[in-house]
């Protein structure tokens, strides 16, 4: 009977589906829901760390995409190399 019982996602999985690291507004909203005193010095520090991590993550994603595209372009350029000398000579 336990096989047919739908499993609930763990708390960390449900938070991951609710919040992606691309949206700092959602992160701030979730932070305000969780933290009772958002004006506390440690709470503000945590909020700043969250926003900085989101920004850094976004920058790194753009960098990875750019480097991936550069590698793809370099491989594409390499494929268009000059033909071998034997291919240029007429066949007898």
Foldseek 3Di string as FASTA:
>chain_A
DVVPDDDDDDPVVVVCVQDPLQDLVSVVVVLPVVDPDCPDPVNVVVNVVSVVVSVVVVVVVVVVVVVVVVVVVVVVVVVPDDDDPVVVDDDD
